[in-house]
C-alpha atoms as a PDB file:
ATOM      1  CA  MET A   1       8.386  -1.839  64.066  1.00  0.00           C
ATOM      2  CA  SER A   2      10.531   1.287  63.705  1.00  0.00           C
ATOM      3  CA  HIS A   3      14.299   1.385  63.536  1.00  0.00           C
ATOM      4  CA  ASN A   4      17.083   3.924  63.264  1.00  0.00           C
ATOM      5  CA  ASN A   5      18.419   3.449  59.745  1.00  0.00           C
ATOM      6  CA  ILE A   6      21.844   4.881  60.610  1.00  0.00           C
ATOM      7  CA  PHE A   7      22.931   1.689  62.375  1.00  0.00           C
ATOM      8  CA  THR A   8      20.896  -1.203  61.008  1.00  0.00           C
ATOM      9  CA  LEU A   9      22.579  -4.152  62.740  1.00  0.00           C
ATOM     10  CA  MET A  10      20.765  -3.751  66.067  1.00  0.00           C
ATOM     11  CA  ARG A  11      17.947  -6.183  66.836  1.00  0.00           C
ATOM     12  CA  THR A  12      15.342  -5.531  69.511  1.00  0.00           C
ATOM     13  CA  ILE A  13      13.827  -8.078  71.914  1.00  0.00           C
ATOM     14  CA  ASP A  14      10.046  -8.352  71.867  1.00  0.00           C
ATOM     15  CA  VAL A  15       9.145  -9.463  75.417  1.00  0.00           C
ATOM     16  CA  LYS A  16       5.714 -10.653  74.242  1.00  0.00           C
ATOM     17  CA  TYR A  17       7.291 -13.868  72.935  1.00  0.00           C
ATOM     18  CA  LEU A  18       7.880 -16.789  75.290  1.00  0.00           C
ATOM     19  CA  ALA A  19      11.383 -17.513  73.946  1.00  0.00           C
ATOM     20  CA  ASN A  20      12.474 -13.929  74.666  1.00  0.00           C
ATOM     21  CA  GLN A  21      10.933 -14.059  78.129  1.00  0.00           C
ATOM     22  CA  LEU A  22      12.845 -17.260  78.791  1.00  0.00           C
ATOM     23  CA  ILE A  23      16.224 -15.810  77.823  1.00  0.00           C
ATOM     24  CA  ILE A  24      15.660 -12.841  80.134  1.00  0.00           C
ATOM     25  CA  ILE A  25      14.902 -15.255  82.993  1.00  0.00           C
ATOM     26  CA  ILE A  26      17.911 -17.447  82.108  1.00  0.00           C
ATOM     27  CA  THR A  27      20.201 -14.396  81.956  1.00  0.00           C
ATOM     28  CA  ILE A  28      19.073 -13.251  85.427  1.00  0.00           C
ATOM     29  CA  PHE A  29      19.479 -16.790  86.742  1.00  0.00           C
ATOM     30  CA  SER A  30      22.999 -16.994  85.238  1.00  0.00           C
ATOM     31  CA  LEU A  31      23.968 -13.830  87.114  1.00  0.00           C
ATOM     32  CA  ILE A  32      22.761 -15.274  90.421  1.00  0.00           C
ATOM     33  CA  PHE A  33      24.171 -18.735  89.723  1.00  0.00           C
ATOM     34  CA  GLY A  34      27.555 -17.340  88.631  1.00  0.00           C
ATOM     35  CA  PHE A  35      27.695 -15.102  91.703  1.00  0.00           C
ATOM     36  CA  LEU A  36      26.888 -17.952  94.123  1.00  0.00           C
ATOM     37  CA  ILE A  37      29.390 -20.386  92.574  1.00  0.00           C
ATOM     38  CA  ASN A  38      32.203 -17.845  92.648  1.00  0.00           C
ATOM     39  CA  TYR A  39      31.300 -16.574  96.107  1.00  0.00           C
ATOM     40  CA  TYR A  40      31.426 -20.140  97.402  1.00  0.00           C
ATOM     41  CA  ILE A  41      34.915 -20.543  95.910  1.00  0.00           C
ATOM     42  CA  THR A  42      36.428 -17.110  96.664  1.00  0.00           C
ATOM     43  CA  ASN A  43      34.277 -15.692  99.501  1.00  0.00           C
ATOM     44  CA  ASN A  44      34.760 -12.319  97.797  1.00  0.00           C
ATOM     45  CA  PHE A  45      31.475 -10.442  97.253  1.00  0.00           C
ATOM     46  CA  LEU A  46      32.586  -7.835  94.693  1.00  0.00           C
ATOM     47  CA  GLU A  47      34.676 -10.231  92.636  1.00  0.00           C
ATOM     48  CA  SER A  48      31.831 -12.758  92.625  1.00  0.00           C
ATOM     49  CA  LEU A  49      29.314 -10.105  91.611  1.00  0.00           C
ATOM     50  CA  PHE A  50      31.570  -9.000  88.759  1.00  0.00           C
ATOM     51  CA  LEU A  51      32.014 -12.579  87.528  1.00  0.00           C
ATOM     52  CA  GLY A  52      28.266 -13.144  87.833  1.00  0.00           C
ATOM     53  CA  LEU A  53      27.652 -10.120  85.633  1.00  0.00           C
ATOM     54  CA  ILE A  54      30.233 -11.355  83.101  1.00  0.00           C
ATOM     55  CA  ILE A  55      28.549 -14.774  82.971  1.00  0.00           C
ATOM     56  CA  ALA A  56      25.141 -13.129  82.486  1.00  0.00           C
ATOM     57  CA  VAL A  57      26.418 -11.009  79.579  1.00  0.00           C
ATOM     58  CA  ILE A  58      28.136 -14.029  77.987  1.00  0.00           C
ATOM     59  CA  THR A  59      24.920 -16.043  78.369  1.00  0.00           C
ATOM     60  CA  PHE A  60      22.854 -13.362  76.689  1.00  0.00           C
ATOM     61  CA  LEU A  61      25.369 -12.827  73.865  1.00  0.00           C
ATOM     62  CA  SER A  62      25.588 -16.601  73.312  1.00  0.00           C
ATOM     63  CA  TRP A  63      21.827 -16.647  72.855  1.00  0.00           C
ATOM     64  CA  SER A  64      22.057 -13.686  70.487  1.00  0.00           C
ATOM     65  CA  LEU A  65      24.845 -15.309  68.472  1.00  0.00           C
ATOM     66  CA  ASN A  66      22.853 -18.533  68.212  1.00  0.00           C
ATOM     67  CA  ARG A  67      19.933 -16.515  66.794  1.00  0.00           C
ATOM     68  CA  GLU A  68      22.266 -15.399  63.974  1.00  0.00           C
ATOM     69  CA  LEU A  69      23.976 -18.729  63.389  1.00  0.00           C
ATOM     70  CA  TYR A  70      20.791 -20.771  63.428  1.00  0.00           C
ATOM     71  CA  PRO A  71      17.824 -18.380  62.955  1.00  0.00           C
ATOM     72  CA  GLN A  72      15.574 -21.324  62.024  1.00  0.00           C
ATOM     73  CA  SER A  73      15.009 -22.180  65.708  1.00  0.00           C
ATOM     74  CA  GLU A  74      14.620 -19.664  68.528  1.00  0.00           C
ATOM     75  CA  TYR A  75      14.590 -22.467  71.117  1.00  0.00           C
ATOM     76  CA  ALA A  76      17.990 -23.779  70.038  1.00  0.00           C
ATOM     77  CA  ALA A  77      19.320 -20.411  71.212  1.00  0.00           C
ATOM     78  CA  ILE A  78      17.566 -20.919  74.569  1.00  0.00           C
ATOM     79  CA  VAL A  79      19.270 -24.300  75.014  1.00  0.00           C
ATOM     80  CA  SER A  80      22.661 -22.856  74.148  1.00  0.00           C
ATOM     81  CA  GLY A  81      22.115 -20.191  76.814  1.00  0.00           C
ATOM     82  CA  ILE A  82      21.286 -22.904  79.358  1.00  0.00           C
ATOM     83  CA  LEU A  83      24.403 -24.887  78.376  1.00  0.00           C
ATOM     84  CA  VAL A  84      26.541 -21.779  78.864  1.00  0.00           C
ATOM     85  CA  VAL A  85      25.074 -21.268  82.346  1.00  0.00           C
ATOM     86  CA  ILE A  86      25.848 -24.905  83.223  1.00  0.00           C
ATOM     87  CA  PHE A  87      29.416 -25.054  81.941  1.00  0.00           C
ATOM     88  CA  LEU A  88      30.866 -21.529  82.076  1.00  0.00           C
ATOM     89  CA  PRO A  89      31.240 -21.109  85.873  1.00  0.00           C
ATOM     90  CA  TRP A  90      33.561 -24.124  85.962  1.00  0.00           C
ATOM     91  CA  TYR A  91      36.116 -22.580  83.603  1.00  0.00           C
ATOM     92  CA  LYS A  92      38.440 -19.628  83.892  1.00  0.00           C
ATOM     93  CA  ILE A  93      36.429 -16.737  82.460  1.00  0.00           C
ATOM     94  CA  ILE A  94      38.146 -14.156  80.262  1.00  0.00           C
ATOM     95  CA  PRO A  95      35.959 -11.000  80.174  1.00  0.00           C
ATOM     96  CA  SER A  96      37.302 -10.072  76.724  1.00  0.00           C
ATOM     97  CA  ILE A  97      35.315 -12.996  75.256  1.00  0.00           C
ATOM     98  CA  ILE A  98      32.388 -10.552  75.446  1.00  0.00           C
ATOM     99  CA  LEU A  99      34.060  -8.417  72.817  1.00  0.00           C
ATOM    100  CA  PHE A 100      34.664 -11.439  70.612  1.00  0.00           C
ATOM    101  CA  LEU A 101      30.997 -12.519  70.817  1.00  0.00           C
ATOM    102  CA  LEU A 102      29.769  -8.991  70.109  1.00  0.00           C
ATOM    103  CA  TRP A 103      32.060  -8.738  67.070  1.00  0.00           C
ATOM    104  CA  PHE A 104      30.876 -12.139  65.881  1.00  0.00           C
ATOM    105  CA  ILE A 105      27.195 -11.182  66.168  1.00  0.00           C
ATOM    106  CA  ILE A 106      27.619  -7.916  64.272  1.00  0.00           C
ATOM    107  CA  ILE A 107      29.556  -9.363  61.335  1.00  0.00           C
ATOM    108  CA  LEU A 108      27.019 -12.165  60.933  1.00  0.00           C
ATOM    109  CA  ARG A 109      24.169  -9.651  60.849  1.00  0.00           C
ATOM    110  CA  LEU A 110      25.984  -7.778  58.114  1.00  0.00           C
ATOM    111  CA  ILE A 111      26.103 -10.947  56.028  1.00  0.00           C
ATOM    112  CA  ASN A 112      22.771 -12.641  56.758  1.00  0.00           C
ATOM    113  CA  GLN A 113      20.721  -9.388  56.950  1.00  0.00           C
ATOM    114  CA  THR A 114      18.233 -10.811  59.466  1.00  0.00           C
ATOM    115  CA  THR A 115      17.194  -7.252  60.302  1.00  0.00           C
ATOM    116  CA  GLY A 116      15.913  -6.780  56.745  1.00  0.00           C
ATOM    117  CA  LEU A 117      17.480  -3.318  56.500  1.00  0.00           C
ATOM    118  CA  LYS A 118      20.066  -2.191  53.980  1.00  0.00           C
ATOM    119  CA  SER A 119      23.452  -1.973  55.664  1.00  0.00           C
ATOM    120  CA  THR A 120      25.000   1.481  55.885  1.00  0.00           C
ATOM    121  CA  PHE A 121      28.425   3.115  55.922  1.00  0.00           C
ATOM    122  CA  ILE A 122      28.080   3.423  59.724  1.00  0.00           C
ATOM    123  CA  ASP A 123      27.427  -0.315  60.003  1.00  0.00           C
ATOM    124  CA  ARG A 124      30.703  -1.031  58.235  1.00  0.00           C
ATOM    125  CA  LEU A 125      32.560   1.600  60.245  1.00  0.00           C
ATOM    126  CA  VAL A 126      31.332   0.018  63.496  1.00  0.00           C
ATOM    127  CA  ILE A 127      32.467  -3.406  62.259  1.00  0.00           C
ATOM    128  CA  LEU A 128      35.905  -2.128  61.319  1.00  0.00           C
ATOM    129  CA  SER A 129      36.247  -0.353  64.688  1.00  0.00           C
ATOM    130  CA  LEU A 130      35.139  -3.496  66.566  1.00  0.00           C
ATOM    131  CA  THR A 131      37.587  -5.547  64.511  1.00  0.00           C
ATOM    132  CA  ILE A 132      40.514  -3.300  65.411  1.00  0.00           C
ATOM    133  CA  THR A 133      39.482  -3.326  69.098  1.00  0.00           C
ATOM    134  CA  THR A 134      39.017  -7.111  69.128  1.00  0.00           C
ATOM    135  CA  SER A 135      42.352  -7.494  67.381  1.00  0.00           C
ATOM    136  CA  TYR A 136      43.993  -5.529  70.180  1.00  0.00           C
ATOM    137  CA  PHE A 137      42.672  -7.898  72.857  1.00  0.00           C
ATOM    138  CA  PHE A 138      43.039 -11.146  70.899  1.00  0.00           C
ATOM    139  CA  SER A 139      45.024 -11.039  67.690  1.00  0.00           C
ATOM    140  CA  TRP A 140      45.373  -8.981  64.534  1.00  0.00           C
ATOM    141  CA  ILE A 141      44.280 -12.088  62.651  1.00  0.00           C
ATOM    142  CA  PHE A 142      40.770 -10.600  62.891  1.00  0.00           C
ATOM    143  CA  LEU A 143      41.776  -8.153  60.162  1.00  0.00           C
ATOM    144  CA  ILE A 144      42.408 -11.161  57.954  1.00  0.00           C
ATOM    145  CA  PHE A 145      38.856 -12.275  58.662  1.00  0.00           C
ATOM    146  CA  ILE A 146      37.582  -8.837  57.675  1.00  0.00           C
ATOM    147  CA  LEU A 147      39.375  -9.183  54.338  1.00  0.00           C
ATOM    148  CA  ILE A 148      36.980 -12.061  53.692  1.00  0.00           C
ATOM    149  CA  ILE A 149      33.817 -10.653  55.288  1.00  0.00           C
ATOM    150  CA  PHE A 150      33.616  -7.392  53.326  1.00  0.00           C
ATOM    151  CA  PRO A 151      34.216  -9.052  49.919  1.00  0.00           C
ATOM    152  CA  LEU A 152      31.589 -11.675  50.819  1.00  0.00           C
ATOM    153  CA  ASN A 153      29.100  -8.938  51.665  1.00  0.00           C
ATOM    154  CA  TYR A 154      29.974  -7.141  48.410  1.00  0.00           C
ATOM    155  CA  ARG A 155      28.990 -10.310  46.558  1.00  0.00           C
ATOM    156  CA  PHE A 156      25.426  -9.687  47.770  1.00  0.00           C
ATOM    157  CA  THR A 157      25.247  -5.892  47.850  1.00  0.00           C
ATOM    158  CA  LYS A 158      27.516  -4.699  45.008  1.00  0.00           C
ATOM    159  CA  GLU A 159      27.836  -1.450  47.024  1.00  0.00           C
ATOM    160  CA  LYS A 160      30.842   0.874  46.894  1.00  0.00           C
ATOM    161  CA  ASN A 161      30.873   1.062  50.717  1.00  0.00           C
ATOM    162  CA  ASP A 162      32.132  -2.512  50.810  1.00  0.00           C
ATOM    163  CA  ILE A 163      34.849  -1.633  48.303  1.00  0.00           C
ATOM    164  CA  ILE A 164      35.953   1.309  50.478  1.00  0.00           C
ATOM    165  CA  PHE A 165      36.265  -0.897  53.573  1.00  0.00           C
ATOM    166  CA  ILE A 166      37.980  -3.680  51.636  1.00  0.00           C
ATOM    167  CA  LEU A 167      40.623  -1.146  50.608  1.00  0.00           C
ATOM    168  CA  ILE A 168      40.952   0.162  54.186  1.00  0.00           C
ATOM    169  CA  ALA A 169      41.413  -3.376  55.506  1.00  0.00           C
ATOM    170  CA  ILE A 170      43.941  -4.165  52.758  1.00  0.00           C
ATOM    171  CA  PHE A 171      45.854  -1.017  53.718  1.00  0.00           C
ATOM    172  CA  LEU A 172      45.812  -1.792  57.470  1.00  0.00           C
ATOM    173  CA  THR A 173      46.551  -5.511  57.337  1.00  0.00           C
ATOM    174  CA  PRO A 174      50.191  -5.442  56.057  1.00  0.00           C
ATOM    175  CA  ILE A 175      51.037  -2.729  58.577  1.00  0.00           C
ATOM    176  CA  ILE A 176      49.576  -4.741  61.435  1.00  0.00           C
ATOM    177  CA  ILE A 177      51.246  -7.949  60.233  1.00  0.00           C
ATOM    178  CA  PHE A 178      54.617  -6.190  60.265  1.00  0.00           C
ATOM    179  CA  TYR A 179      54.260  -4.808  63.768  1.00  0.00           C
ATOM    180  CA  GLN A 180      52.374  -7.672  65.445  1.00  0.00           C
ATOM    181  CA  GLU A 181      54.172 -10.699  63.955  1.00  0.00           C
ATOM    182  CA  ILE A 182      50.849 -12.218  62.963  1.00  0.00           C
ATOM    183  CA  PHE A 183      52.478 -15.181  61.249  1.00  0.00           C
ATOM    184  CA  TYR A 184      53.795 -16.513  64.533  1.00  0.00           C
ATOM    185  CA  ASN A 185      51.685 -19.477  65.670  1.00  0.00           C
ATOM    186  CA  GLN A 186      51.582 -19.267  69.469  1.00  0.00           C
ATOM    187  CA  ASN A 187      50.221 -22.710  70.437  1.00  0.00           C
ATOM    188  CA  ASN A 188      49.936 -26.267  69.170  1.00  0.00           C
ATOM    189  CA  LEU A 189      46.674 -28.040  68.425  1.00  0.00           C
ATOM    190  CA  ASN A 190      46.305 -31.623  69.613  1.00  0.00           C
ATOM    191  CA  PHE A 191      45.248 -33.951  66.759  1.00  0.00           C
ATOM    192  CA  GLN A 192      42.366 -35.444  68.763  1.00  0.00           C
ATOM    193  CA  ASN A 193      41.039 -31.998  69.706  1.00  0.00           C
ATOM    194  CA  GLY A 194      41.387 -30.838  66.122  1.00  0.00           C
ATOM    195  CA  PHE A 195      39.487 -33.863  64.810  1.00  0.00           C
ATOM    196  CA  ILE A 196      36.609 -33.314  67.279  1.00  0.00           C
ATOM    197  CA  ILE A 197      36.364 -29.625  66.338  1.00  0.00           C
ATOM    198  CA  PHE A 198      36.430 -30.491  62.644  1.00  0.00           C
ATOM    199  CA  LEU A 199      33.678 -33.075  63.162  1.00  0.00           C
ATOM    200  CA  ILE A 200      31.433 -30.652  65.104  1.00  0.00           C
ATOM    201  CA  THR A 201      31.812 -27.880  62.525  1.00  0.00           C
ATOM    202  CA  ILE A 202      31.157 -30.215  59.576  1.00  0.00           C
ATOM    203  CA  LEU A 203      28.059 -31.634  61.285  1.00  0.00           C
ATOM    204  CA  PHE A 204      26.924 -28.067  61.970  1.00  0.00           C
ATOM    205  CA  LEU A 205      27.157 -27.098  58.296  1.00  0.00           C
ATOM    206  CA  ILE A 206      25.453 -30.306  57.152  1.00  0.00           C
ATOM    207  CA  PHE A 207      22.498 -29.828  59.477  1.00  0.00           C
ATOM    208  CA  MET A 208      22.247 -26.137  58.647  1.00  0.00           C
ATOM    209  CA  TRP A 209      22.021 -27.028  54.949  1.00  0.00           C
ATOM    210  CA  LEU A 210      19.269 -29.538  55.703  1.00  0.00           C
ATOM    211  CA  ASN A 211      17.192 -26.667  57.105  1.00  0.00           C
ATOM    212  CA  LYS A 212      17.403 -24.627  53.911  1.00  0.00           C
ATOM    213  CA  ASP A 213      13.645 -24.846  53.258  1.00  0.00           C
ATOM    214  CA  LYS A 214      12.590 -23.224  56.517  1.00  0.00           C
ATOM    215  CA  LYS A 215      11.319 -19.685  56.015  1.00  0.00           C
ATOM    216  CA  ILE A 216      12.904 -16.894  58.082  1.00  0.00           C
ATOM    217  CA  ILE A 217      11.286 -13.455  58.147  1.00  0.00           C
ATOM    218  CA  CYS A 218      13.327 -10.259  58.560  1.00  0.00           C
ATOM    219  CA  ASP A 219      12.836  -8.232  61.756  1.00  0.00           C
ATOM    220  CA  TYR A 220      11.826  -4.942  60.158  1.00  0.00           C
ATOM    221  CA  SER A 221      10.031  -6.150  57.025  1.00  0.00           C
ATOM    222  CA  ASN A 222       7.893  -9.010  55.841  1.00  0.00           C
ATOM    223  CA  LYS A 223      10.604 -10.202  53.469  1.00  0.00           C
ATOM    224  CA  LYS A 224      12.133 -13.648  53.622  1.00  0.00           C
ATOM    225  CA  VAL A 225      15.805 -13.805  54.595  1.00  0.00           C
ATOM    226  CA  PRO A 226      17.561 -15.412  51.592  1.00  0.00           C
ATOM    227  CA  PHE A 227      19.030 -18.782  52.534  1.00  0.00           C
ATOM    228  CA  ASN A 228      22.229 -18.049  50.611  1.00  0.00           C
ATOM    229  CA  ARG A 229      22.864 -15.186  53.011  1.00  0.00           C
ATOM    230  CA  ILE A 230      22.101 -17.352  56.055  1.00  0.00           C
ATOM    231  CA  PHE A 231      24.299 -20.205  54.864  1.00  0.00           C
ATOM    232  CA  SER A 232      27.098 -17.828  53.871  1.00  0.00           C
ATOM    233  CA  ALA A 233      27.084 -16.476  57.431  1.00  0.00           C
ATOM    234  CA  GLN A 234      27.218 -20.039  58.764  1.00  0.00           C
ATOM    235  CA  ILE A 235      30.130 -20.938  56.477  1.00  0.00           C
ATOM    236  CA  ILE A 236      32.090 -17.807  57.411  1.00  0.00           C
ATOM    237  CA  SER A 237      31.484 -18.559  61.110  1.00  0.00           C
ATOM    238  CA  VAL A 238      33.000 -22.037  60.714  1.00  0.00           C
ATOM    239  CA  PHE A 239      35.939 -20.555  58.808  1.00  0.00           C
ATOM    240  CA  ILE A 240      36.565 -18.029  61.594  1.00  0.00           C
ATOM    241  CA  ILE A 241      36.331 -20.614  64.387  1.00  0.00           C
ATOM    242  CA  ILE A 242      38.574 -23.154  62.661  1.00  0.00           C
ATOM    243  CA  GLY A 243      41.040 -20.433  61.652  1.00  0.00           C
ATOM    244  CA  TYR A 244      41.161 -19.096  65.201  1.00  0.00           C
ATOM    245  CA  ILE A 245      41.728 -22.554  66.711  1.00  0.00           C
ATOM    246  CA  LEU A 246      44.392 -23.509  64.150  1.00  0.00           C
ATOM    247  CA  TRP A 247      46.136 -20.260  65.018  1.00  0.00           C
ATOM    248  CA  PHE A 248      45.959 -20.376  68.813  1.00  0.00           C
ATOM    249  CA  GLY A 249      45.787 -24.085  69.436  1.00  0.00           C
ATOM    250  CA  ASP A 250      44.296 -26.044  72.322  1.00  0.00           C
ATOM    251  CA  GLU A 251      43.957 -23.098  74.727  1.00  0.00           C
ATOM    252  CA  SER A 252      41.497 -21.366  72.421  1.00  0.00           C
ATOM    253  CA  ILE A 253      39.078 -24.329  72.547  1.00  0.00           C
ATOM    254  CA  ILE A 254      38.074 -23.579  76.151  1.00  0.00           C
ATOM    255  CA  LEU A 255      37.857 -19.862  75.396  1.00  0.00           C
ATOM    256  CA  LEU A 256      35.285 -20.627  72.681  1.00  0.00           C
ATOM    257  CA  LEU A 257      33.050 -22.658  75.004  1.00  0.00           C
ATOM    258  CA  PRO A 258      29.953 -20.512  74.180  1.00  0.00           C
ATOM    259  CA  VAL A 259      30.444 -21.307  70.492  1.00  0.00           C
ATOM    260  CA  TRP A 260      30.491 -25.062  71.140  1.00  0.00           C
ATOM    261  CA  CYS A 261      27.249 -24.708  73.134  1.00  0.00           C
ATOM    262  CA  ILE A 262      25.742 -22.917  70.129  1.00  0.00           C
ATOM    263  CA  PHE A 263      26.955 -25.461  67.565  1.00  0.00           C
ATOM    264  CA  ILE A 264      25.774 -28.438  69.628  1.00  0.00           C
ATOM    265  CA  SER A 265      22.327 -27.003  70.403  1.00  0.00           C
ATOM    266  CA  SER A 266      21.875 -26.034  66.726  1.00  0.00           C
ATOM    267  CA  ILE A 267      22.807 -29.527  65.552  1.00  0.00           C
ATOM    268  CA  ILE A 268      20.409 -31.111  68.055  1.00  0.00           C
ATOM    269  CA  PHE A 269      17.460 -28.911  67.093  1.00  0.00           C
ATOM    270  CA  SER A 270      18.159 -29.294  63.377  1.00  0.00           C
ATOM    271  CA  PHE A 271      18.242 -33.078  63.847  1.00  0.00           C
ATOM    272  CA  ILE A 272      14.892 -32.937  65.688  1.00  0.00           C
ATOM    273  CA  SER A 273      13.480 -30.800  62.890  1.00  0.00           C
ATOM    274  CA  GLN A 274      14.557 -33.387  60.309  1.00  0.00           C
ATOM    275  CA  ILE A 275      12.956 -36.198  62.321  1.00  0.00           C
ATOM    276  CA  LYS A 276       9.701 -34.270  62.535  1.00  0.00           C
ATOM    277  CA  LYS A 277       9.824 -33.649  58.781  1.00  0.00           C
ATOM    278  CA  LYS A 278      10.284 -37.373  58.080  1.00  0.00           C
ATOM    279  CA  LEU A 279       7.425 -38.326  60.412  1.00  0.00           C
ATOM    280  CA  ASN A 280       5.075 -35.835  58.773  1.00  0.00           C
END
């Protein structure tokens, strides 16, 4: 399988596999389903078509994100896509969540290296650009996340490119904090909601750790993806989600609906995997 080594964080979809065929079907169905639900509510064709397209993209990106967060099971990602299709039309959809999901996918690929290719300067530049763009639509707190992601990646790579982007992020962050008042917490988090989120994320990490023995092969090589990279990506994802919710409170919980679908489907499939292991 060939790949452009300038940008190494792109993964292709092999339509020969059943799981990939299923997500294509589910994505098309989500477009139609989202369109019909919204057309029934609004009776506006163009608006409903636009929302259907947004739901389809969110469904596909949720599947893609699940493949990075729990690469041990391709069918867990299918279930998360189905859950998104079921629940998303009933909530107020914010199109900018697409940018958040895309950013999330790319940074996880930098850390877990599921592509099997050495990350490049362009990879890091794309991540920094996406971070700044995502920060514009959501919050400059994403630059704080980058201050953790690049050092974490440097722990694995020991490459000077990570040092360069750490320094860039360090330079940008104080400036952004000054102008964007990043230390202002905009919303409160209900204790019950916070406890449920904490429980889900802890269960997610526990069940991901229990799957540490499962072999994952890189896309563009026959090498095994190191579990410490996979688990590091899972830990950083939990840190980002919890940090984001603590910052923006209860309103952010609904916004992150695709993430909850991913966490829940991953926990379920990991639990099933453990049961099968015990029975065998």
